Amino acid sequence: MKTFWLRWLYDSNPKKTWGIPLGFALSLGFLLILNLFFLGQDPPVPAASDSIAEEVPGSHEASSAANINSADERLPEKPKPELWASRIVETQPGQWQLNKRSTAYQQLDLPHVVAVSRGKRIVFPLASTQPNRFQYAIEGESRMVFSRFDSTKKTNHLSFDRSRKYRYALQIASLDETKAHLALALAAKLTEAGYYAYLYRSANDQPVDGVDVYNYKLRIGYFASENELGELSARLKTEFPNEPLIKEKFWPVLPNFEEVDQELVDFRVQRNKPWIINLGAFGVLENGLTALTRSVPYFDFLYLAQIERKNKLLYVLKGGYFSGRTSSFTALETLREKTSVAFKGASSSLLRYKITSDSEQ
């Protein structure tokens, strides 16, 4: 049979067999068109029961800023209702660790920083249950800054830069320091719900019995227009119908540069003032928040941390900075005199704080 076909091709008239190469070329072209058609289609979506055995190396590094809420960034389920998912954990005295959202509930036996005061502002470095609109970053292991993620442009903006694009804030309430713990507790709930909530302190011109009195304004920032504030007001009343501070009347405000500073923590001042005061541990959250607001005017830096000990939650309060032990004791006595709070068991210590990222950052 093989010899027959070879002889047939040898004896055949080329004018009568021109269709053979033409048919071969047409078949090859048809196959190429089919291949291009299938390559242009989207791959099938795996079913819920399907699993992927391997992950392409470097795929995380290639992800865009728009994918900040990938599966490994989802907030885990809360182990206890009263726990706050903090982005900062004090792994040892003087050593802080910046966690990702996915690790916000790990190491509950270590202090989790839930409130930070710098100057006149109290903020909450908590991990929101909502998509993470605010990003945290460490600069030179000496300070931590945060930025706002703009989903329309898929970029990060330092919060909130001097261009003043996001220049409006919504004021929810203004309370004196005796009731400020109510505003702090609500601010934490708002932060967990995905809002940038903070407290801003202002001095009261009229001291009470010789004791300085301060007001704390609960605000949510920052927005590009007053129209956004109106939409936010309506949304808050729907989301928090049982919150007494969420009332009919809200105030649009224009925060100053100090209030919108993107620095959450700055430890560079500790190069010259490395001493802090341990103001004590509180078994009741309200007491810890009250002590925090009473102490804010007398410290450059102050923080409240939540820690679990023997299945009980404690709230640790520390503040600084001071050049030496003597100056820290002097500040403590001034604090006791001005606030009429005993702060029993308070002590001073020498700490040089440092912030590092965890292994996942």
Protein backbone atom coordinates (compact mmCIF):
# COMPACT_ATOMS: atom_id res chain seq x y z
CA MET A 1 0.00 0.00 0.00
CA LYS A 2 2.82 2.40 0.89
CA THR A 3 4.56 1.72 -2.46
CA PHE A 4 1.28 2.34 -4.30
CA TRP A 5 0.78 5.80 -2.89
CA LEU A 6 4.36 6.81 -3.48
CA ARG A 7 4.15 5.68 -7.10
CA TRP A 8 0.81 7.47 -7.49
CA LEU A 9 2.31 10.73 -6.30
CA TYR A 10 5.31 10.25 -8.58
CA ASP A 11 3.18 9.57 -11.71
CA SER A 12 0.43 12.09 -10.89
CA ASN A 13 -0.07 15.24 -12.95
CA PRO A 14 0.68 18.32 -10.76
CA LYS A 15 -2.16 20.18 -12.51
CA LYS A 16 -4.66 17.60 -11.22
CA THR A 17 -3.34 17.41 -7.61
CA TRP A 18 -3.18 21.14 -6.75
CA GLY A 19 -6.06 20.69 -4.30
CA ILE A 20 -3.93 18.68 -1.87
CA PRO A 21 -1.69 21.52 -0.57
CA LEU A 22 -4.63 23.94 -0.75
CA GLY A 23 -6.77 21.67 1.43
CA PHE A 24 -3.92 21.27 3.90
CA ALA A 25 -3.47 25.06 4.14
CA LEU A 26 -7.20 25.63 4.65
CA SER A 27 -7.32 23.02 7.42
CA LEU A 28 -4.36 24.59 9.21
CA GLY A 29 -5.92 28.05 8.98
CA PHE A 30 -9.20 26.76 10.39
CA LEU A 31 -7.40 25.21 13.35
CA LEU A 32 -5.55 28.49 14.06
CA ILE A 33 -8.82 30.47 14.05
CA LEU A 34 -10.42 28.02 16.51
CA ASN A 35 -7.39 28.27 18.80
CA LEU A 36 -7.52 32.07 18.85
CA PHE A 37 -11.25 32.00 19.56
CA PHE A 38 -10.89 29.79 22.63
CA LEU A 39 -7.90 31.73 23.97
CA GLY A 40 -10.02 34.89 24.02
CA GLN A 41 -12.66 33.35 26.30
CA ASP A 42 -12.65 33.70 30.13
CA PRO A 43 -11.71 30.54 32.03
CA PRO A 44 -14.57 28.73 33.77
CA VAL A 45 -15.24 29.83 37.37
CA PRO A 46 -14.48 27.00 39.83
CA ALA A 47 -17.41 25.71 41.83
CA ALA A 48 -17.50 26.18 45.59
CA SER A 49 -16.25 22.64 46.11
CA ASP A 50 -13.33 23.08 43.72
CA SER A 51 -9.85 23.78 45.07
CA ILE A 52 -6.67 25.12 43.53
CA ALA A 53 -3.64 22.96 44.23
CA GLU A 54 -0.97 25.56 43.56
CA GLU A 55 -0.67 29.32 43.58
CA VAL A 56 1.36 31.20 41.00
CA PRO A 57 4.57 32.46 42.66
CA GLY A 58 4.65 36.21 43.09
CA SER A 59 0.93 36.65 42.50
CA HIS A 60 0.53 38.61 45.77
CA GLU A 61 3.28 41.03 44.76
CA ALA A 62 1.58 41.60 41.42
CA SER A 63 -1.78 42.48 42.97
CA SER A 64 -2.93 46.05 42.48
CA ALA A 65 -3.92 48.48 45.23
CA ALA A 66 -7.55 47.80 44.33
CA ASN A 67 -7.25 44.31 45.79
CA ILE A 68 -6.44 45.42 49.34
CA ASN A 69 -9.39 43.42 50.67
CA SER A 70 -8.24 40.01 49.49
CA ALA A 71 -9.08 36.88 51.45
CA ASP A 72 -6.02 37.08 53.71
CA GLU A 73 -7.04 40.62 54.75
CA ARG A 74 -10.54 39.71 55.93
CA LEU A 75 -11.14 40.36 59.59
CA PRO A 76 -11.47 37.05 61.47
CA GLU A 77 -14.54 36.29 63.54
CA LYS A 78 -14.48 38.06 66.90
CA PRO A 79 -13.64 35.56 69.70
CA LYS A 80 -15.45 37.65 72.34
CA PRO A 81 -17.99 40.46 71.91
CA GLU A 82 -16.04 42.90 74.11
CA LEU A 83 -12.74 42.48 72.26
CA TRP A 84 -11.44 45.20 69.94
CA ALA A 85 -9.47 44.15 66.90
CA SER A 86 -6.35 46.28 67.21
CA ARG A 87 -3.75 46.84 64.51
CA ILE A 88 -1.00 47.39 67.13
CA VAL A 89 0.21 44.84 69.68
CA GLU A 90 2.84 45.48 72.35
CA THR A 91 4.90 42.31 72.09
CA GLN A 92 7.17 43.40 74.95
CA PRO A 93 7.79 46.66 76.82
CA GLY A 94 9.03 49.15 74.27
CA GLN A 95 8.36 46.89 71.27
CA TRP A 96 5.24 47.39 69.19
CA GLN A 97 4.12 45.29 66.26
CA LEU A 98 1.87 46.45 63.45
CA ASN A 99 -0.51 43.64 62.51
CA LYS A 100 -2.55 43.05 59.41
CA ARG A 101 -6.32 42.82 59.68
CA SER A 102 -6.17 39.03 59.45
CA THR A 103 -4.03 38.85 62.63
CA ALA A 104 -5.89 41.51 64.63
CA TYR A 105 -7.12 39.00 67.24
CA GLN A 106 -3.94 37.01 67.71
CA GLN A 107 -1.86 37.04 70.91
CA LEU A 108 -4.66 38.17 73.21
CA ASP A 109 -2.32 37.78 76.19
CA LEU A 110 -0.36 40.82 74.91
CA PRO A 111 -1.55 44.43 75.18
CA HIS A 112 -3.59 45.46 72.14
CA VAL A 113 -3.51 49.21 71.61
CA VAL A 114 -7.09 50.42 71.19
CA ALA A 115 -6.75 54.20 71.61
CA VAL A 116 -3.88 56.61 70.98
CA SER A 117 -3.71 60.27 71.98
CA ARG A 118 -1.29 62.67 70.32
CA GLY A 119 -1.74 66.34 71.13
CA LYS A 120 -5.44 67.21 71.01
CA ARG A 121 -6.65 64.18 69.08
CA ILE A 122 -7.61 60.66 70.19
CA VAL A 123 -7.73 58.04 67.43
CA PHE A 124 -8.42 54.31 67.29
CA PRO A 125 -6.01 52.00 65.43
CA LEU A 126 -8.65 49.30 65.12
CA ALA A 127 -9.36 46.89 62.30
CA SER A 128 -12.75 47.57 60.78
CA THR A 129 -15.32 44.88 60.06
CA GLN A 130 -15.89 46.69 56.76
CA PRO A 131 -13.52 46.91 53.78
CA ASN A 132 -10.30 48.50 54.97
CA ARG A 133 -10.49 52.09 53.71
CA PHE A 134 -7.55 53.25 55.84
CA GLN A 135 -4.07 51.86 55.36
CA TYR A 136 -1.30 51.85 57.98
CA ALA A 137 2.42 52.09 57.20
CA ILE A 138 5.69 52.37 59.15
CA GLU A 139 8.25 54.97 58.22
CA GLY A 140 11.80 54.40 59.36
CA GLU A 141 10.71 52.37 62.41
CA SER A 142 10.15 55.66 64.21
CA ARG A 143 6.59 56.58 63.35
CA MET A 144 3.38 55.16 61.95
CA VAL A 145 1.20 56.99 59.45
CA PHE A 146 -2.10 56.10 57.87
CA SER A 147 -3.69 56.92 54.53
CA ARG A 148 -7.08 56.85 52.91
CA PHE A 149 -7.70 54.48 50.00
CA ASP A 150 -9.49 56.20 47.11
CA SER A 151 -11.47 53.48 45.32
CA THR A 152 -12.26 55.76 42.38
CA LYS A 153 -8.60 56.33 41.56
CA LYS A 154 -7.25 53.15 43.19
CA THR A 155 -4.58 55.11 45.04
CA ASN A 156 -3.67 55.94 48.62
CA HIS A 157 -3.78 59.48 49.96
CA LEU A 158 -1.92 60.48 53.09
CA SER A 159 -4.52 61.44 55.61
CA PHE A 160 -5.07 63.93 54.87
CA ASP A 161 -2.60 65.98 52.91
CA ARG A 162 -2.33 69.72 52.70
CA SER A 163 -4.08 69.79 49.34
CA ARG A 164 -7.19 69.80 51.52
CA LYS A 165 -9.14 67.60 49.13
CA TYR A 166 -10.76 65.86 52.08
CA ARG A 167 -11.31 68.93 54.22
CA TYR A 168 -14.71 68.39 55.85
CA ALA A 169 -15.62 66.43 58.98
CA LEU A 170 -18.94 65.67 60.65
CA GLN A 171 -19.24 66.47 64.36
CA ILE A 172 -21.51 64.03 66.18
CA ALA A 173 -21.35 65.40 69.72
CA SER A 174 -19.40 67.58 72.15
CA LEU A 175 -19.06 66.31 75.73
CA ASP A 176 -17.09 67.36 78.78
CA GLU A 177 -14.49 64.99 80.16
CA THR A 178 -16.87 63.50 82.74
CA LYS A 179 -18.95 62.04 79.88
CA ALA A 180 -16.21 61.70 77.29
CA HIS A 181 -16.02 57.93 77.84
CA LEU A 182 -19.42 57.70 76.10
CA ALA A 183 -17.99 59.44 73.04
CA LEU A 184 -14.90 57.22 73.13
CA ALA A 185 -16.99 54.04 73.22
CA LEU A 186 -19.10 55.24 70.29
CA ALA A 187 -15.98 56.30 68.37
CA ALA A 188 -14.64 52.75 68.69
CA LYS A 189 -17.92 51.34 67.33
CA LEU A 190 -17.83 53.77 64.43
CA THR A 191 -14.23 52.79 63.68
CA GLU A 192 -15.14 49.11 63.68
CA ALA A 193 -17.99 49.94 61.30
CA GLY A 194 -15.53 51.42 58.80
CA TYR A 195 -15.59 55.14 59.62
CA TYR A 196 -12.63 57.30 60.59
CA ALA A 197 -13.92 58.43 64.00
CA TYR A 198 -11.83 60.43 66.45
CA LEU A 199 -12.08 62.81 69.41
CA TYR A 200 -10.73 66.33 69.34
CA ARG A 201 -10.05 68.17 72.62
CA SER A 202 -10.73 71.82 73.37
CA ALA A 203 -10.24 73.72 76.63
CA ASN A 204 -13.12 75.08 78.66
CA ASP A 205 -12.53 78.68 79.70
CA GLN A 206 -14.22 78.16 83.06
CA PRO A 207 -12.37 75.82 85.49
CA VAL A 208 -14.52 74.00 88.03
CA ASP A 209 -13.29 74.33 91.65
CA GLY A 210 -9.85 75.23 90.34
CA VAL A 211 -9.66 72.09 88.19
CA ASP A 212 -9.17 72.43 84.44
CA VAL A 213 -12.11 71.21 82.36
CA TYR A 214 -11.94 70.09 78.73
CA ASN A 215 -14.51 69.25 76.09
CA TYR A 216 -14.17 66.37 73.64
CA LYS A 217 -15.74 66.56 70.20
CA LEU A 218 -16.63 63.31 68.47
CA ARG A 219 -16.06 63.67 64.74
CA ILE A 220 -15.96 61.54 61.60
CA GLY A 221 -13.59 62.53 58.80
CA TYR A 222 -12.72 63.33 56.14
CA PHE A 223 -14.85 64.26 53.14
CA ALA A 224 -14.57 66.34 49.99
CA SER A 225 -17.93 68.12 50.16
CA GLU A 226 -20.76 69.04 52.49
CA ASN A 227 -23.11 66.90 50.41
CA GLU A 228 -21.23 63.83 51.61
CA LEU A 229 -21.83 64.92 55.19
CA GLY A 230 -25.59 65.02 54.59
CA GLU A 231 -25.53 61.51 53.19
CA LEU A 232 -23.43 60.34 56.13
CA SER A 233 -25.85 61.86 58.66
CA ALA A 234 -28.77 59.92 57.20
CA ARG A 235 -26.75 56.71 57.05
CA LEU A 236 -25.63 56.95 60.70
CA LYS A 237 -29.19 57.30 61.97
CA THR A 238 -30.09 54.12 60.12
CA GLU A 239 -27.03 52.13 61.19
CA PHE A 240 -27.06 53.22 64.85
CA PRO A 241 -30.72 53.74 65.78
CA ASN A 242 -30.17 53.03 69.49
CA GLU A 243 -27.14 55.23 70.09
CA PRO A 244 -28.14 58.24 72.24
CA LEU A 245 -25.34 60.39 70.79
CA ILE A 246 -26.60 59.85 67.23
CA LYS A 247 -29.15 62.66 67.35
CA GLU A 248 -30.97 64.77 64.78
CA LYS A 249 -28.43 67.58 64.86
CA PHE A 250 -24.94 67.17 63.39
CA TRP A 251 -22.40 69.86 62.58
CA PRO A 252 -20.19 70.16 59.48
CA VAL A 253 -16.73 71.39 60.48
CA LEU A 254 -13.46 72.30 58.79
CA PRO A 255 -10.62 70.67 60.78
CA ASN A 256 -7.27 72.44 61.03
CA PHE A 257 -3.94 70.98 59.93
CA GLU A 258 -3.16 69.63 63.38
CA GLU A 259 -6.40 67.70 63.41
CA VAL A 260 -5.87 66.06 60.04
CA ASP A 261 -2.22 65.15 60.59
CA GLN A 262 -1.53 61.69 59.14
CA GLU A 263 0.84 60.63 61.93
CA LEU A 264 -0.72 58.16 64.30
CA VAL A 265 2.40 57.48 66.37
CA ASP A 266 5.69 59.39 66.40
CA PHE A 267 8.45 58.16 68.69
CA ARG A 268 11.26 60.38 67.49
CA VAL A 269 10.80 62.66 70.50
CA GLN A 270 11.88 59.77 72.72
CA ARG A 271 15.47 60.22 71.64
CA ASN A 272 15.63 62.97 74.24
CA LYS A 273 12.65 62.00 76.43
CA PRO A 274 12.58 58.22 76.86
CA TRP A 275 10.63 58.05 80.16
CA ILE A 276 6.95 57.15 80.41
CA ILE A 277 4.42 56.78 83.25
CA ASN A 278 2.47 53.56 83.80
CA LEU A 279 -0.84 55.01 84.99
CA GLY A 280 -2.34 51.67 85.96
CA ALA A 281 -4.62 48.86 84.80
CA PHE A 282 -8.41 49.09 84.97
CA GLY A 283 -10.82 46.19 85.17
CA VAL A 284 -13.72 48.22 83.78
CA LEU A 285 -13.59 49.73 80.30
CA GLU A 286 -15.43 52.89 81.36
CA ASN A 287 -12.84 53.58 84.05
CA GLY A 288 -9.98 53.15 81.58
CA LEU A 289 -11.61 55.48 79.05
CA THR A 290 -12.34 58.07 81.74
CA ALA A 291 -8.74 57.99 82.95
CA LEU A 292 -7.60 58.38 79.35
CA THR A 293 -9.64 61.52 78.71
CA ARG A 294 -8.67 63.03 82.07
CA SER A 295 -4.97 62.49 81.31
CA VAL A 296 -4.82 63.65 77.68
CA PRO A 297 -4.04 67.36 78.36
CA TYR A 298 -0.94 66.51 80.40
CA PHE A 299 0.86 64.17 78.00
CA ASP A 300 2.39 64.50 74.55
CA PHE A 301 1.58 60.87 73.92
CA LEU A 302 -0.86 58.51 75.63
CA TYR A 303 -2.34 55.13 74.84
CA LEU A 304 -4.85 52.65 76.23
CA ALA A 305 -4.32 48.94 75.60
CA GLN A 306 -6.61 45.96 76.09
CA ILE A 307 -5.15 42.73 77.47
CA GLU A 308 -6.58 39.40 78.58
CA ARG A 309 -5.42 37.91 81.88
CA LYS A 310 -6.97 34.69 83.20
CA ASN A 311 -10.02 35.14 80.94
CA LYS A 312 -10.50 38.68 82.23
CA LEU A 313 -9.98 41.84 80.23
CA LEU A 314 -7.85 44.66 81.63
CA TYR A 315 -7.21 48.15 80.24
CA VAL A 316 -3.65 49.45 80.63
CA LEU A 317 -2.92 53.19 80.38
CA LYS A 318 0.55 54.66 79.70
CA GLY A 319 1.78 58.12 78.77
CA GLY A 320 4.88 60.20 78.12
CA TYR A 321 7.36 61.56 77.31
CA PHE A 322 9.80 62.79 79.98
CA SER A 323 13.51 63.46 80.07
CA GLY A 324 14.10 61.63 83.36
CA ARG A 325 12.53 59.90 86.35
CA THR A 326 12.30 63.13 88.34
CA SER A 327 10.39 65.00 85.63
CA SER A 328 8.04 62.03 85.22
CA PHE A 329 7.23 62.07 88.95
CA THR A 330 6.65 65.82 88.80
CA ALA A 331 4.24 65.34 85.90
CA LEU A 332 2.41 62.61 87.80
CA GLU A 333 1.89 64.87 90.80
CA THR A 334 0.61 67.63 88.51
CA LEU A 335 -1.77 65.15 86.91
CA ARG A 336 -3.13 64.08 90.29
CA GLU A 337 -3.58 67.67 91.39
CA LYS A 338 -5.28 68.86 88.20
CA THR A 339 -7.60 65.89 87.74
CA SER A 340 -8.32 64.89 91.36
CA VAL A 341 -7.64 61.28 90.30
CA ALA A 342 -5.36 59.26 92.61
CA PHE A 343 -3.81 56.97 89.95
CA LYS A 344 -2.81 54.52 92.68
CA GLY A 345 0.12 52.30 91.81
CA ALA A 346 1.38 54.59 89.04
CA SER A 347 5.08 54.21 88.25
CA SER A 348 7.63 55.46 85.74
CA SER A 349 9.93 53.46 83.48
CA LEU A 350 12.55 53.98 80.80
CA LEU A 351 11.31 52.77 77.40
CA ARG A 352 12.43 53.44 73.87
CA TYR A 353 9.53 52.34 71.72
CA LYS A 354 10.06 50.76 68.33
CA ILE A 355 7.49 49.67 65.78
CA THR A 356 7.98 46.70 63.48
CA SER A 357 5.76 44.90 60.98
CA ASP A 358 4.67 41.35 61.53
CA SER A 359 5.79 38.56 59.21
CA GLU A 360 2.84 39.11 56.89
CA GLN A 361 3.36 42.79 56.20
